[in-house]
Amino acid sequence: MSQLIKGHSARKNLTEWLSYLESIHSVEIDLGLTRIGVVAKQLNIDFATSTVITVAGTNGKGTTCAFLENALLAQNITCAVYSSPHIERFNERLRLNRNEVNDEALVDAFEQIESKRGDISLTYYEYTTLAAFLVLMAEQPEVIILEVGLGGRLDATNIIDADVAVITTIDLDHQAFLGNTREAIGFEKAGIMRSNRPVVIGDTNPPDSLALHAKDIGAKTYIRHDDFTIEQANGFSWHWRDNNIEFSDLHRCNIPQDNVATAIKVLTVLQDKLSLTLNSALINQTIKATKVAGRMEKFSVHCDVILDVGHNPQAARYLVEQLRQLNYTKIHAVLGMLVDKDVTNTLAPLLPIVEQWYIGTLNSPRACKAEVIVESSQIDPAKLNCFDNVSQGFKMAKENAKATDLILVFGSFFTVAEIRRLLV
């Protein structure tokens, strides 16, 4: 990987930099493009040599990005993915040809930002996003995939004009920042669209605000059901088609099928520009290759363990659909959530299928206390166990679960990260 600038003595290492970045802005989330825009101009941020795909949505962003990444790399197109949050290591947030960015490149970028920002205060996310952009400028991959952190219109990634915008799903989450309705949230996500450029909308029931905004700015829309569809065949195979192309006998996916369908449409939109070869065999190769940590990720102890970062009602409904297809005697759920999440409606779909709950308080300033989760849910007290942390809950779940049972770990990236360290 290219080095941005040469180091000097007594440099802060990556851990020290990340600790410093947590302290320099008054709040963790402070949406807006003004501050980061000024610093980006000072840094001459420019992705003119790359094709940029920006992916927004309530759920499905990470898996959509991963499928696109694997499909492009399979055709020898250099590709970078910027995403957040990470599960175990900060470096997971930026991949270059599927390799995580190294510490030195990040430290070099942080030093450049610090030398240019003057008295402008940046959030942790804004600062680290700029660092990723500096690394990407040095590397100049053919395709850059940007996963939006929160919303879209005011997210730090939106200082970049996407060649193709992607909106996966719209549902209720982060209402304090994005609004209390799907229409309001859809408008915020729609902010990544650009005039005269394509936007792929994967939601099967998109709010009107998406199409209205696209029309207002003159974006070219490709909307699920209207412009591309999927059809289930016998067994586990399925077909994808739009007005011009059909891919048949596609295999069962390791990630949500709807996100694969959305990603395929993005590939067809870029087919001519990137000289892509697309056929059912190549799509199936990518389906097989695409697995994402923390998304229905299975491990085995003396019983199966599934880790899933789902943390809102839509993700919980999908999780239940998947679990109902599996054949476990009992499900033991290990749960930790953040305080700004909709606990009641996230847990409701799982109440009929979970036999025992093990609820812990996460190690985060934004953690929701275990007792608050209990008060906000309708969990049967006979099925309830509370702990100071989710690791303690996982330990008891392992003691109680039999070989034919499942331990489900979900509710937050923080929950999955804490338990995944015990399994990997």
Protein backbone atom coordinates (compact mmCIF):
# COMPACT_ATOMS: atom_id res chain seq x y z
CA MET A 1 0.00 0.00 0.00
CA SER A 2 1.19 3.49 -0.83
CA GLN A 3 2.51 5.70 1.93
CA LEU A 4 1.03 9.16 2.02
CA ILE A 5 3.83 10.97 3.84
CA LYS A 6 6.98 9.90 5.62
CA GLY A 7 6.84 9.51 9.36
CA HIS A 8 8.93 11.24 11.96
CA SER A 9 10.02 10.53 15.51
CA ALA A 10 7.59 10.30 18.44
CA ARG A 11 4.59 9.70 16.20
CA LYS A 12 1.33 8.66 17.78
CA ASN A 13 0.41 5.11 16.89
CA LEU A 14 -3.05 4.19 15.59
CA THR A 15 -4.47 3.42 19.04
CA GLU A 16 -3.26 6.76 20.37
CA TRP A 17 -4.70 8.61 17.39
CA LEU A 18 -8.11 6.97 17.77
CA SER A 19 -8.17 7.83 21.47
CA TYR A 20 -7.28 11.44 20.61
CA LEU A 21 -10.02 11.64 17.97
CA GLU A 22 -12.62 10.56 20.51
CA SER A 23 -11.81 13.63 22.60
CA ILE A 24 -11.67 16.54 20.15
CA HIS A 25 -15.36 17.08 19.40
CA SER A 26 -18.09 17.81 21.93
CA VAL A 27 -20.58 15.18 20.68
CA GLU A 28 -20.25 11.78 19.01
CA ILE A 29 -22.83 12.40 16.26
CA ASP A 30 -22.99 15.88 14.74
CA LEU A 31 -24.45 15.63 11.24
CA GLY A 32 -23.57 18.22 8.61
CA LEU A 33 -21.18 18.75 5.71
CA THR A 34 -19.88 22.23 6.49
CA ARG A 35 -16.95 21.34 8.77
CA ILE A 36 -15.77 18.30 6.83
CA GLY A 37 -16.31 20.14 3.55
CA VAL A 38 -13.92 22.93 4.50
CA VAL A 39 -11.19 20.50 5.58
CA ALA A 40 -11.74 18.29 2.53
CA LYS A 41 -11.14 21.33 0.33
CA GLN A 42 -7.90 22.05 2.18
CA LEU A 43 -6.85 18.44 1.55
CA ASN A 44 -7.86 18.57 -2.15
CA ILE A 45 -10.03 15.47 -1.82
CA ASP A 46 -10.79 14.26 -5.34
CA PHE A 47 -11.91 10.85 -6.63
CA ALA A 48 -11.96 11.83 -10.30
CA THR A 49 -9.94 8.77 -11.34
CA SER A 50 -12.37 6.28 -9.72
CA THR A 51 -15.97 5.20 -10.22
CA VAL A 52 -17.79 5.83 -6.93
CA ILE A 53 -20.73 3.79 -5.64
CA THR A 54 -22.39 5.20 -2.50
CA VAL A 55 -24.66 2.84 -0.55
CA ALA A 56 -27.27 4.09 1.94
CA GLY A 57 -30.15 2.35 3.69
CA THR A 58 -31.51 1.29 7.06
CA ASN A 59 -30.31 -2.29 6.68
CA GLY A 60 -28.32 -4.24 4.09
CA LYS A 61 -25.59 -1.71 3.32
CA GLY A 62 -22.64 -3.85 4.40
CA THR A 63 -23.77 -7.00 2.62
CA THR A 64 -24.60 -5.08 -0.57
CA CYS A 65 -21.13 -3.52 -0.51
CA ALA A 66 -19.52 -6.92 0.05
CA PHE A 67 -21.32 -8.51 -2.91
CA LEU A 68 -20.34 -5.65 -5.20
CA GLU A 69 -16.74 -5.87 -3.97
CA ASN A 70 -16.50 -9.60 -4.64
CA ALA A 71 -18.13 -9.33 -8.05
CA LEU A 72 -15.75 -6.57 -9.18
CA LEU A 73 -12.62 -8.23 -7.83
CA ALA A 74 -13.60 -11.45 -9.61
CA GLN A 75 -13.25 -9.50 -12.86
CA ASN A 76 -9.86 -8.04 -11.89
CA ILE A 77 -11.21 -4.56 -11.23
CA THR A 78 -9.34 -2.88 -8.38
CA CYS A 79 -11.85 -2.05 -5.69
CA ALA A 80 -11.93 -0.37 -2.29
CA VAL A 81 -14.70 -0.42 0.32
CA TYR A 82 -15.12 2.13 3.11
CA SER A 83 -17.62 1.07 5.78
CA SER A 84 -18.49 1.51 9.44
CA PRO A 85 -18.66 0.58 12.20
CA HIS A 86 -16.05 -2.14 12.62
CA ILE A 87 -16.47 -5.33 14.63
CA GLU A 88 -12.99 -6.09 15.96
CA ARG A 89 -10.35 -3.80 14.42
CA PHE A 90 -10.64 -0.21 13.22
CA ASN A 91 -8.73 -1.21 10.07
CA GLU A 92 -11.76 -3.24 8.95
CA ARG A 93 -13.35 0.06 7.91
CA LEU A 94 -11.22 0.39 4.80
CA ARG A 95 -10.45 -2.53 2.49
CA LEU A 96 -8.30 -2.27 -0.64
CA ASN A 97 -8.73 -5.31 -2.90
CA ARG A 98 -10.12 -7.07 0.16
CA ASN A 99 -7.03 -6.25 2.29
CA GLU A 100 -7.50 -4.11 5.38
CA VAL A 101 -5.71 -0.76 5.42
CA ASN A 102 -2.50 -0.82 7.47
CA ASP A 103 -1.83 1.33 10.54
CA GLU A 104 0.89 3.41 8.92
CA ALA A 105 -1.30 4.63 6.07
CA LEU A 106 -3.97 5.71 8.54
CA VAL A 107 -1.50 7.48 10.82
CA ASP A 108 -0.01 9.29 7.82
CA ALA A 109 -3.50 10.45 6.84
CA PHE A 110 -4.35 11.58 10.37
CA GLU A 111 -1.19 13.69 10.44
CA GLN A 112 -2.14 15.35 7.18
CA ILE A 113 -5.62 16.17 8.45
CA GLU A 114 -4.26 17.58 11.71
CA SER A 115 -1.92 19.86 9.78
CA LYS A 116 -4.78 21.25 7.67
CA ARG A 117 -7.85 21.46 9.89
CA GLY A 118 -6.72 24.46 11.93
CA ASP A 119 -9.33 25.26 14.58
CA ILE A 120 -12.11 23.29 12.86
CA SER A 121 -13.48 20.63 15.17
CA LEU A 122 -14.26 17.29 13.53
CA THR A 123 -16.13 14.32 14.94
CA TYR A 124 -14.39 10.96 15.18
CA TYR A 125 -16.37 9.77 12.15
CA GLU A 126 -15.64 12.86 10.07
CA TYR A 127 -11.92 12.69 10.86
CA THR A 128 -11.63 8.99 10.11
CA THR A 129 -13.68 9.36 6.91
CA LEU A 130 -11.27 12.02 5.65
CA ALA A 131 -8.37 9.72 6.52
CA ALA A 132 -9.93 6.94 4.47
CA PHE A 133 -10.39 9.37 1.57
CA LEU A 134 -6.72 10.35 1.67
CA VAL A 135 -5.68 6.69 1.51
CA LEU A 136 -8.08 6.12 -1.38
CA MET A 137 -6.66 9.10 -3.28
CA ALA A 138 -3.18 7.64 -2.92
CA GLU A 139 -4.28 4.18 -4.06
CA GLN A 140 -6.59 5.25 -6.91
CA PRO A 141 -8.64 2.04 -7.21
CA GLU A 142 -10.86 1.74 -10.27
CA VAL A 143 -13.98 1.52 -8.08
CA ILE A 144 -14.62 3.01 -4.64
CA ILE A 145 -17.62 1.76 -2.65
CA LEU A 146 -18.72 4.07 0.17
CA GLU A 147 -21.09 2.80 2.84
CA VAL A 148 -23.03 5.68 4.38
CA GLY A 149 -22.68 5.82 8.16
CA LEU A 150 -25.95 7.52 9.16
CA GLY A 151 -28.72 8.80 6.93
CA GLY A 152 -27.23 10.11 3.71
CA ARG A 153 -27.86 13.77 3.01
CA LEU A 154 -25.70 15.00 5.90
CA ASP A 155 -23.38 11.99 6.28
CA ALA A 156 -19.65 12.66 5.87
CA THR A 157 -19.44 10.33 2.86
CA ASN A 158 -21.81 12.62 0.97
CA ILE A 159 -19.10 15.20 0.24
CA ILE A 160 -18.29 12.82 -2.63
CA ASP A 161 -20.53 12.78 -5.71
CA ALA A 162 -21.50 9.19 -6.41
CA ASP A 163 -21.48 7.87 -9.97
CA VAL A 164 -24.16 5.42 -8.81
CA ALA A 165 -26.24 5.85 -5.66
CA VAL A 166 -27.74 2.79 -3.98
CA ILE A 167 -30.52 2.75 -1.37
CA THR A 168 -31.11 -0.69 0.09
CA THR A 169 -34.06 -0.45 2.51
CA ILE A 170 -35.94 2.22 4.44
CA ASP A 171 -37.27 1.58 7.93
CA LEU A 172 -37.36 3.21 11.35
CA ASP A 173 -33.96 3.66 12.99
CA HIS A 174 -31.99 6.66 14.29
CA GLN A 175 -35.27 8.61 14.45
CA ALA A 176 -33.72 11.32 16.63
CA PHE A 177 -31.51 12.28 13.68
CA LEU A 178 -33.50 11.22 10.62
CA GLY A 179 -37.19 11.67 11.47
CA ASN A 180 -40.03 9.54 12.78
CA THR A 181 -41.54 8.29 9.51
CA ARG A 182 -40.32 6.23 6.57
CA GLU A 183 -41.03 9.21 4.32
CA ALA A 184 -38.78 11.50 6.37
CA ILE A 185 -36.04 8.88 6.62
CA GLY A 186 -36.34 8.21 2.89
CA PHE A 187 -35.73 11.88 2.15
CA GLU A 188 -32.53 11.81 4.21
CA LYS A 189 -31.29 8.69 2.42
CA ALA A 190 -32.22 10.24 -0.94
CA GLY A 191 -29.65 12.96 -0.30
CA ILE A 192 -26.92 10.75 -1.82
CA MET A 193 -28.59 10.99 -5.26
CA ARG A 194 -27.08 13.24 -7.90
CA SER A 195 -28.59 14.92 -10.95
CA ASN A 196 -28.41 12.95 -14.21
CA ARG A 197 -26.85 9.97 -12.45
CA PRO A 198 -28.39 6.57 -11.68
CA VAL A 199 -29.84 5.50 -8.35
CA VAL A 200 -30.76 1.88 -7.59
CA ILE A 201 -33.51 1.48 -4.98
CA GLY A 202 -33.78 -2.01 -3.51
CA ASP A 203 -36.63 -1.47 -1.04
CA THR A 204 -39.63 -3.61 -2.01
CA ASN A 205 -42.03 -0.90 -0.77
CA PRO A 206 -40.08 2.36 -1.07
CA PRO A 207 -41.46 5.55 0.47
CA ASP A 208 -42.64 8.12 -2.07
CA SER A 209 -39.94 10.56 -0.90
CA LEU A 210 -37.28 8.58 -2.79
CA ALA A 211 -38.87 8.78 -6.22
CA LEU A 212 -40.01 12.37 -5.62
CA HIS A 213 -36.50 13.54 -4.77
CA ALA A 214 -35.06 11.67 -7.74
CA LYS A 215 -37.57 13.40 -10.02
CA ASP A 216 -36.85 16.82 -8.46
CA ILE A 217 -33.12 16.58 -9.17
CA GLY A 218 -33.29 14.60 -12.39
CA ALA A 219 -31.71 11.37 -11.17
CA LYS A 220 -32.27 8.18 -13.18
CA THR A 221 -34.10 5.64 -11.00
CA TYR A 222 -34.01 1.84 -11.07
CA ILE A 223 -36.59 0.65 -8.55
CA ARG A 224 -37.23 -2.88 -7.29
CA HIS A 225 -40.38 -4.43 -8.78
CA ASP A 226 -40.64 -1.63 -11.36
CA ASP A 227 -37.25 -2.03 -13.04
CA PHE A 228 -35.89 -5.30 -11.70
CA THR A 229 -37.48 -8.32 -10.04
CA ILE A 230 -36.69 -11.70 -8.55
CA GLU A 231 -38.66 -14.91 -8.78
CA GLN A 232 -38.31 -17.97 -6.59
CA ALA A 233 -38.01 -21.27 -8.45
CA ASN A 234 -38.34 -24.84 -7.18
CA GLY A 235 -36.13 -25.67 -4.22
CA PHE A 236 -33.62 -22.98 -3.31
CA SER A 237 -32.92 -21.52 -6.76
CA TRP A 238 -34.19 -18.16 -7.97
CA HIS A 239 -34.16 -15.92 -11.01
CA TRP A 240 -33.26 -12.24 -11.43
CA ARG A 241 -34.49 -10.16 -14.35
CA ASP A 242 -34.90 -6.64 -15.63
CA ASN A 243 -36.16 -5.36 -18.96
CA ASN A 244 -33.06 -6.53 -20.81
CA ILE A 245 -31.31 -9.29 -18.87
CA GLU A 246 -32.19 -12.47 -17.00
CA PHE A 247 -30.00 -14.52 -14.67
CA SER A 248 -31.51 -17.95 -13.98
CA ASP A 249 -30.97 -20.77 -11.51
CA LEU A 250 -29.21 -18.59 -8.96
CA HIS A 251 -28.10 -20.27 -5.75
CA ARG A 252 -29.23 -19.72 -2.19
CA CYS A 253 -27.42 -16.73 -0.66
CA ASN A 254 -25.35 -16.46 2.52
CA ILE A 255 -26.51 -12.84 2.83
CA PRO A 256 -30.03 -11.42 2.34
CA GLN A 257 -31.27 -12.28 -1.15
CA ASP A 258 -32.84 -8.83 -1.55
CA ASN A 259 -29.42 -7.20 -1.15
CA VAL A 260 -27.92 -9.52 -3.75
CA ALA A 261 -30.73 -8.54 -6.12
CA THR A 262 -30.00 -4.86 -5.54
CA ALA A 263 -26.27 -5.36 -6.08
CA ILE A 264 -26.87 -7.24 -9.34
CA LYS A 265 -28.83 -4.25 -10.65
CA VAL A 266 -25.91 -1.96 -9.76
CA LEU A 267 -23.59 -4.23 -11.74
CA THR A 268 -25.85 -4.08 -14.80
CA VAL A 269 -25.95 -0.28 -14.57
CA LEU A 270 -22.13 -0.22 -14.58
CA GLN A 271 -21.68 -3.05 -17.05
CA ASP A 272 -20.72 -0.93 -20.05
CA LYS A 273 -18.67 1.63 -18.13
CA LEU A 274 -16.55 -1.04 -16.42
CA SER A 275 -16.65 -3.60 -19.27
CA LEU A 276 -18.16 -6.23 -16.98
CA THR A 277 -19.02 -9.75 -18.04
CA LEU A 278 -22.27 -10.79 -16.36
CA ASN A 279 -23.93 -14.18 -16.53
CA SER A 280 -25.59 -16.62 -14.16
CA ALA A 281 -22.41 -18.63 -13.56
CA LEU A 282 -20.42 -15.55 -12.53
CA ILE A 283 -23.26 -14.32 -10.32
CA ASN A 284 -23.39 -17.72 -8.61
CA GLN A 285 -19.64 -17.63 -7.99
CA THR A 286 -20.07 -14.31 -6.22
CA ILE A 287 -23.06 -15.58 -4.24
CA LYS A 288 -20.94 -18.48 -2.97
CA ALA A 289 -18.01 -16.21 -2.14
CA THR A 290 -19.97 -13.58 -0.23
CA LYS A 291 -20.19 -14.09 3.51
CA VAL A 292 -20.01 -11.17 5.92
CA ALA A 293 -18.86 -11.26 9.54
CA GLY A 294 -21.68 -10.64 12.00
CA ARG A 295 -24.46 -11.26 9.48
CA MET A 296 -26.08 -14.62 10.28
CA GLU A 297 -22.53 -15.79 10.97
CA LYS A 298 -22.40 -19.32 12.37
CA PHE A 299 -19.92 -20.80 14.86
CA SER A 300 -20.01 -24.02 16.84
CA VAL A 301 -19.19 -24.64 20.48
CA HIS A 302 -21.03 -27.72 21.75
CA CYS A 303 -24.04 -26.24 19.96
CA ASP A 304 -24.43 -23.78 17.09
CA VAL A 305 -23.97 -20.05 17.69
CA ILE A 306 -25.25 -17.42 15.25
CA LEU A 307 -24.01 -13.84 15.43
CA ASP A 308 -26.03 -11.06 13.84
CA VAL A 309 -25.59 -7.29 14.15
CA GLY A 310 -29.33 -6.68 13.62
CA HIS A 311 -30.46 -3.86 15.92
CA ASN A 312 -33.75 -2.47 14.64
CA PRO A 313 -37.28 -3.80 13.93
CA GLN A 314 -36.73 -4.49 10.24
CA ALA A 315 -33.54 -6.43 10.92
CA ALA A 316 -35.30 -8.40 13.66
CA ARG A 317 -38.13 -9.39 11.32
CA TYR A 318 -35.61 -10.65 8.77
CA LEU A 319 -33.77 -12.54 11.50
CA VAL A 320 -36.95 -14.33 12.53
CA GLU A 321 -37.66 -15.32 8.91
CA GLN A 322 -34.23 -16.94 8.71
CA LEU A 323 -34.43 -18.66 12.08
CA ARG A 324 -37.82 -20.20 11.30
CA GLN A 325 -36.16 -22.07 8.43
CA LEU A 326 -33.69 -23.72 10.80
CA ASN A 327 -34.36 -26.78 12.92
CA TYR A 328 -33.24 -26.11 16.48
CA THR A 329 -34.85 -27.50 19.62
CA LYS A 330 -34.57 -24.21 21.54
CA ILE A 331 -33.16 -20.75 20.89
CA HIS A 332 -31.18 -18.96 23.60
CA ALA A 333 -30.78 -15.23 22.84
CA VAL A 334 -27.81 -13.19 24.11
CA LEU A 335 -28.66 -9.52 23.75
CA GLY A 336 -27.11 -6.09 24.28
CA MET A 337 -28.39 -2.87 22.70
CA LEU A 338 -27.68 0.84 22.51
CA VAL A 339 -29.84 3.37 24.29
CA ASP A 340 -31.15 5.07 21.14
CA LYS A 341 -32.64 1.87 19.70
CA ASP A 342 -36.30 0.80 19.59
CA VAL A 343 -36.05 -2.05 22.09
CA THR A 344 -39.76 -2.87 22.22
CA ASN A 345 -40.34 -3.29 18.50
CA THR A 346 -36.96 -4.91 17.86
CA LEU A 347 -37.53 -7.68 20.38
CA ALA A 348 -41.24 -8.23 19.67
CA PRO A 349 -40.79 -10.48 16.59
CA LEU A 350 -38.41 -12.75 18.51
CA LEU A 351 -40.55 -13.27 21.61
CA PRO A 352 -42.48 -16.28 20.22
CA ILE A 353 -39.36 -18.20 19.18
CA VAL A 354 -36.79 -17.50 21.94
CA GLU A 355 -36.84 -19.88 24.91
CA GLN A 356 -34.35 -18.06 27.15
CA TRP A 357 -32.99 -14.50 27.15
CA TYR A 358 -29.56 -13.46 28.46
CA ILE A 359 -29.43 -9.65 28.54
CA GLY A 360 -26.30 -7.66 29.34
CA THR A 361 -25.16 -4.05 29.40
CA LEU A 362 -22.71 -3.20 26.64
CA ASN A 363 -19.34 -1.56 27.23
CA SER A 364 -20.21 1.71 25.48
CA PRO A 365 -21.19 5.23 26.58
CA ARG A 366 -24.34 4.73 24.49
CA ALA A 367 -25.22 1.39 26.10
CA CYS A 368 -28.77 0.68 27.16
CA LYS A 369 -28.76 -0.77 30.68
CA ALA A 370 -29.91 -4.37 30.89
CA GLU A 371 -32.71 -3.45 33.28
CA VAL A 372 -33.97 -0.78 30.87
CA ILE A 373 -34.08 -3.34 28.06
CA VAL A 374 -36.15 -5.60 30.30
CA GLU A 375 -38.53 -2.77 31.23
CA SER A 376 -38.97 -1.87 27.56
CA SER A 377 -39.79 -5.40 26.43
CA GLN A 378 -42.54 -7.95 26.96
CA ILE A 379 -40.20 -10.81 27.84
CA ASP A 380 -41.70 -13.46 30.10
CA PRO A 381 -39.86 -13.13 33.45
CA ALA A 382 -39.50 -16.92 33.58
CA LYS A 383 -37.34 -16.72 30.44
CA LEU A 384 -35.18 -13.84 31.62
CA ASN A 385 -31.58 -13.62 32.83
CA CYS A 386 -29.76 -10.28 33.37
CA PHE A 387 -26.02 -9.62 33.56
CA ASP A 388 -23.51 -6.82 33.93
CA ASN A 389 -22.20 -7.60 30.43
CA VAL A 390 -23.06 -9.81 27.47
CA SER A 391 -20.01 -12.06 27.97
CA GLN A 392 -21.48 -13.24 31.27
CA GLY A 393 -24.76 -13.87 29.50
CA PHE A 394 -23.06 -15.86 26.78
CA LYS A 395 -21.26 -17.98 29.36
CA MET A 396 -24.56 -18.95 31.00
CA ALA A 397 -26.21 -19.54 27.63
CA LYS A 398 -23.45 -22.03 26.78
CA GLU A 399 -24.00 -23.81 30.10
CA ASN A 400 -27.74 -24.07 29.52
CA ALA A 401 -27.85 -24.86 25.80
CA LYS A 402 -27.96 -28.46 24.63
CA ALA A 403 -26.32 -29.77 21.45
CA THR A 404 -29.52 -29.39 19.43
CA ASP A 405 -30.13 -25.81 20.63
CA LEU A 406 -29.03 -22.50 19.10
CA ILE A 407 -27.42 -19.53 20.82
CA LEU A 408 -28.36 -16.34 19.00
CA VAL A 409 -26.18 -13.27 19.70
CA PHE A 410 -27.62 -10.00 18.37
CA GLY A 411 -28.70 -6.41 19.07
CA SER A 412 -25.63 -4.34 18.19
CA PHE A 413 -22.22 -4.34 16.53
CA PHE A 414 -20.87 -4.02 20.08
CA THR A 415 -22.67 -7.21 21.15
CA VAL A 416 -21.32 -9.20 18.23
CA ALA A 417 -17.80 -7.80 18.69
CA GLU A 418 -17.66 -8.78 22.37
CA ILE A 419 -18.82 -12.35 21.78
CA ARG A 420 -17.00 -12.87 18.50
CA ARG A 421 -13.68 -12.32 20.31
CA LEU A 422 -14.53 -15.34 22.46
CA LEU A 423 -15.19 -17.52 19.40
CA VAL A 424 -12.58 -16.65 16.78
